[in-house]
C-alpha atoms as a PDB file:
ATOM      1  CA  UNK A   1     115.572 119.014  -3.715  1.00  0.00           C
ATOM      2  CA  UNK A   2     117.258 121.861  -2.118  1.00  0.00           C
ATOM      3  CA  UNK A   3     116.945 125.536  -2.410  1.00  0.00           C
ATOM      4  CA  UNK A   4     119.725 128.100  -2.491  1.00  0.00           C
ATOM      5  CA  UNK A   5     118.446 131.661  -2.537  1.00  0.00           C
ATOM      6  CA  UNK A   6     115.929 131.868  -5.466  1.00  0.00           C
ATOM      7  CA  UNK A   7     117.398 128.688  -7.143  1.00  0.00           C
ATOM      8  CA  UNK A   8     116.230 125.141  -6.684  1.00  0.00           C
ATOM      9  CA  UNK A   9     118.556 122.222  -7.164  1.00  0.00           C
ATOM     10  CA  UNK A  10     118.342 118.270  -7.289  1.00  0.00           C
ATOM     11  CA  UNK A  11     121.274 116.613  -5.476  1.00  0.00           C
ATOM     12  CA  UNK A  12     121.246 112.958  -6.434  1.00  0.00           C
ATOM     13  CA  UNK A  13     123.681 110.317  -5.491  1.00  0.00           C
ATOM     14  CA  UNK A  14     124.802 107.765  -7.924  1.00  0.00           C
ATOM     15  CA  UNK A  15     125.370 104.040  -7.330  1.00  0.00           C
ATOM     16  CA  UNK A  16     128.850 104.641  -5.907  1.00  0.00           C
ATOM     17  CA  UNK A  17     127.642 107.334  -3.460  1.00  0.00           C
ATOM     18  CA  UNK A  18     128.969 110.445  -5.243  1.00  0.00           C
ATOM     19  CA  UNK A  19     126.726 113.474  -5.137  1.00  0.00           C
ATOM     20  CA  UNK A  20     126.058 115.816  -7.956  1.00  0.00           C
ATOM     21  CA  UNK A  21     124.027 118.955  -8.228  1.00  0.00           C
ATOM     22  CA  UNK A  22     121.498 119.611 -11.073  1.00  0.00           C
ATOM     23  CA  UNK A  23     119.050 122.506 -11.635  1.00  0.00           C
ATOM     24  CA  UNK A  24     115.593 121.356 -10.648  1.00  0.00           C
ATOM     25  CA  UNK A  25     114.229 123.504 -13.510  1.00  0.00           C
ATOM     26  CA  UNK A  26     112.966 121.540 -16.480  1.00  0.00           C
ATOM     27  CA  UNK A  27     114.889 122.610 -19.752  1.00  0.00           C
ATOM     28  CA  UNK A  28     111.428 122.825 -21.533  1.00  0.00           C
ATOM     29  CA  UNK A  29     109.027 125.197 -19.949  1.00  0.00           C
ATOM     30  CA  UNK A  30     111.099 125.867 -16.753  1.00  0.00           C
ATOM     31  CA  UNK A  31     108.864 124.305 -14.163  1.00  0.00           C
ATOM     32  CA  UNK A  32     110.290 122.622 -11.153  1.00  0.00           C
ATOM     33  CA  UNK A  33     110.788 118.729 -11.626  1.00  0.00           C
ATOM     34  CA  UNK A  34     109.674 116.301  -8.923  1.00  0.00           C
ATOM     35  CA  UNK A  35     111.308 112.835  -8.283  1.00  0.00           C
ATOM     36  CA  UNK A  36     109.321 109.887  -8.996  1.00  0.00           C
ATOM     37  CA  UNK A  37     110.463 106.988  -6.529  1.00  0.00           C
ATOM     38  CA  UNK A  38     108.943 104.174  -8.583  1.00  0.00           C
ATOM     39  CA  UNK A  39     110.501 105.184 -11.936  1.00  0.00           C
ATOM     40  CA  UNK A  40     113.682 106.807 -10.470  1.00  0.00           C
ATOM     41  CA  UNK A  41     113.285 109.658 -12.702  1.00  0.00           C
ATOM     42  CA  UNK A  42     112.902 113.708 -12.273  1.00  0.00           C
ATOM     43  CA  UNK A  43     109.455 114.566 -13.995  1.00  0.00           C
ATOM     44  CA  UNK A  44     108.022 117.838 -14.929  1.00  0.00           C
ATOM     45  CA  UNK A  45     104.593 118.340 -13.972  1.00  0.00           C
ATOM     46  CA  UNK A  46     103.786 120.933 -16.746  1.00  0.00           C
ATOM     47  CA  UNK A  47     104.471 118.937 -19.891  1.00  0.00           C
ATOM     48  CA  UNK A  48     105.750 115.308 -18.809  1.00  0.00           C
ATOM     49  CA  UNK A  49     109.218 115.619 -19.628  1.00  0.00           C
ATOM     50  CA  UNK A  50     111.381 113.049 -17.822  1.00  0.00           C
ATOM     51  CA  UNK A  51     115.153 113.104 -16.775  1.00  0.00           C
ATOM     52  CA  UNK A  52     117.315 110.258 -15.389  1.00  0.00           C
ATOM     53  CA  UNK A  53     119.262 110.763 -12.113  1.00  0.00           C
ATOM     54  CA  UNK A  54     122.210 112.215 -14.009  1.00  0.00           C
ATOM     55  CA  UNK A  55     119.833 114.713 -15.725  1.00  0.00           C
ATOM     56  CA  UNK A  56     119.715 113.118 -19.092  1.00  0.00           C
ATOM     57  CA  UNK A  57     116.335 113.551 -21.130  1.00  0.00           C
ATOM     58  CA  UNK A  58     114.480 110.140 -20.848  1.00  0.00           C
ATOM     59  CA  UNK A  59     111.082 111.597 -22.374  1.00  0.00           C
ATOM     60  CA  UNK A  60     110.260 114.671 -24.296  1.00  0.00           C
ATOM     61  CA  UNK A  61     109.248 117.514 -24.870  1.00  0.00           C
ATOM     62  CA  UNK A  62     112.506 118.572 -23.321  1.00  0.00           C
ATOM     63  CA  UNK A  63     115.413 118.104 -25.559  1.00  0.00           C
ATOM     64  CA  UNK A  64     118.407 119.402 -23.356  1.00  0.00           C
ATOM     65  CA  UNK A  65     119.452 117.647 -20.120  1.00  0.00           C
ATOM     66  CA  UNK A  66     118.915 119.302 -16.538  1.00  0.00           C
ATOM     67  CA  UNK A  67     121.758 121.879 -16.379  1.00  0.00           C
ATOM     68  CA  UNK A  68     124.543 121.404 -13.739  1.00  0.00           C
ATOM     69  CA  UNK A  69     124.283 123.601 -10.573  1.00  0.00           C
ATOM     70  CA  UNK A  70     127.198 125.145  -8.859  1.00  0.00           C
ATOM     71  CA  UNK A  71     126.665 125.008  -5.214  1.00  0.00           C
ATOM     72  CA  UNK A  72     129.105 127.446  -3.602  1.00  0.00           C
ATOM     73  CA  UNK A  73     129.415 127.301   0.191  1.00  0.00           C
ATOM     74  CA  UNK A  74     127.649 129.996   2.261  1.00  0.00           C
ATOM     75  CA  UNK A  75     129.325 132.295   4.317  1.00  0.00           C
END
């Protein structure tokens, strides 16, 4: 996870090595997700939502995927 200003982002690498950036805020209550190495999922500690490494919902109560993040270069 990285922090840019007041925002937190996940930056997962897929199987072919491509990086993507996602918001680290759960789409249900807005808590910061944490990565579970054993399950390879992002998990919300507040209500138990789970997301795969692409941000798709794997377990509710969240119904929306993690939002894409746009990481502009710093000046």
